[in-house]
């Protein structure tokens, strides 16, 4: 049984609209796998994720773009390489990684 404090914390983390968008985005197998990988590794390049998933770099980039538009990822460029990592300020995504992964 949850305490009132735990219930309040869950309500604050999951405000409804953002939750539905995130779960819709993560409904795709490859996007969920990317999210899971980034939950376990601080950052990964697009090329590395494409190799791990055995998909093309353009397809991996499309999935990453959707995750980024969902405010779940941020990217950083180093030369010609692009690295992605989970956003630390997205409370819903953060709660999912802590609770599920």
Protein backbone atom coordinates (compact mmCIF):
# COMPACT_ATOMS: atom_id res chain seq x y z
CA UNK A 1 0.00 0.00 0.00
CA UNK A 2 1.34 3.41 -0.96
CA UNK A 3 1.69 6.19 1.56
CA UNK A 4 0.12 9.59 0.94
CA UNK A 5 3.59 11.00 0.36
CA UNK A 6 4.33 8.38 -2.33
CA UNK A 7 0.98 9.05 -4.01
CA UNK A 8 1.67 12.79 -4.09
CA UNK A 9 5.11 12.19 -5.57
CA UNK A 10 3.68 9.97 -8.32
CA UNK A 11 0.97 12.51 -9.14
CA UNK A 12 3.56 15.28 -9.50
CA UNK A 13 5.79 13.16 -11.76
CA UNK A 14 2.94 12.03 -14.03
CA UNK A 15 0.77 14.98 -14.94
CA UNK A 16 -1.18 13.19 -17.69
CA UNK A 17 -0.53 14.86 -21.04
CA UNK A 18 3.23 14.42 -21.07
CA UNK A 19 2.82 10.86 -19.86
CA UNK A 20 0.63 9.89 -22.83
CA UNK A 21 3.05 11.46 -25.32
CA UNK A 22 6.03 9.66 -23.81
CA UNK A 23 4.35 6.27 -23.78
CA UNK A 24 3.17 6.78 -27.36
CA UNK A 25 6.74 7.58 -28.40
CA UNK A 26 8.11 4.58 -26.50
CA UNK A 27 5.48 2.32 -28.08
CA UNK A 28 7.85 1.76 -31.00
CA UNK A 29 10.29 -1.09 -30.31
CA UNK A 30 13.38 0.67 -31.68
CA UNK A 31 12.65 3.91 -29.83
CA UNK A 32 12.14 1.98 -26.61
CA UNK A 33 15.43 0.15 -27.16
CA UNK A 34 17.23 3.47 -27.77
CA UNK A 35 15.67 4.88 -24.60
CA UNK A 36 16.71 1.77 -22.68
CA UNK A 37 20.28 1.95 -24.02
CA UNK A 38 20.59 5.59 -23.03
CA UNK A 39 19.21 4.77 -19.60
CA UNK A 40 22.13 2.40 -19.10
CA UNK A 41 24.87 4.41 -20.86
CA UNK A 42 25.44 8.10 -20.30
CA UNK A 43 25.65 8.92 -24.02
CA UNK A 44 25.89 7.11 -27.33
CA UNK A 45 26.54 8.13 -30.91
CA UNK A 46 23.97 7.69 -33.64
CA UNK A 47 26.25 5.27 -35.47
CA UNK A 48 26.76 3.10 -32.41
CA UNK A 49 23.02 2.89 -31.75
CA UNK A 50 22.35 1.99 -35.39
CA UNK A 51 24.93 -0.81 -35.21
CA UNK A 52 23.53 -2.16 -31.94
CA UNK A 53 19.97 -2.17 -33.33
CA UNK A 54 21.05 -3.38 -36.78
CA UNK A 55 19.26 -0.53 -38.52
CA UNK A 56 20.48 2.18 -40.89
CA UNK A 57 21.88 5.43 -39.55
CA UNK A 58 19.09 7.46 -41.24
CA UNK A 59 16.43 5.27 -39.57
CA UNK A 60 18.17 5.60 -36.19
CA UNK A 61 18.31 9.38 -36.74
CA UNK A 62 14.56 9.48 -37.38
CA UNK A 63 13.84 7.61 -34.16
CA UNK A 64 16.20 9.90 -32.25
CA UNK A 65 14.51 12.97 -33.74
CA UNK A 66 11.12 11.76 -32.45
CA UNK A 67 12.58 11.11 -28.99
CA UNK A 68 14.21 14.54 -29.03
CA UNK A 69 10.95 16.23 -30.09
CA UNK A 70 9.28 14.45 -27.16
CA UNK A 71 11.73 16.31 -24.93
CA UNK A 72 13.30 13.05 -23.79
CA UNK A 73 16.78 13.44 -25.30
CA UNK A 74 19.34 16.08 -25.90
CA UNK A 75 22.13 15.96 -28.42
CA UNK A 76 25.66 17.24 -28.48
CA UNK A 77 27.91 17.48 -31.48
CA UNK A 78 31.61 16.73 -31.39
CA UNK A 79 33.05 17.35 -34.82
CA UNK A 80 30.96 15.34 -37.25
CA UNK A 81 29.69 12.89 -34.63
CA UNK A 82 26.39 13.44 -32.86
CA UNK A 83 25.88 12.01 -29.39
CA UNK A 84 22.58 11.67 -27.58
CA UNK A 85 21.80 11.39 -23.89
CA UNK A 86 18.67 11.40 -21.76
CA UNK A 87 17.49 14.78 -20.57
CA UNK A 88 17.85 15.07 -16.83
CA UNK A 89 15.11 17.71 -16.57
CA UNK A 90 12.35 15.47 -17.96
CA UNK A 91 10.83 14.11 -14.75
CA UNK A 92 8.64 11.54 -16.47
CA UNK A 93 11.46 10.06 -18.55
CA UNK A 94 13.69 10.10 -15.47
CA UNK A 95 11.05 8.30 -13.40
CA UNK A 96 10.68 5.65 -16.10
CA UNK A 97 14.42 4.99 -16.24
CA UNK A 98 14.63 4.69 -12.46
CA UNK A 99 11.53 2.55 -12.12
CA UNK A 100 11.76 0.28 -15.14
CA UNK A 101 15.33 0.09 -16.41
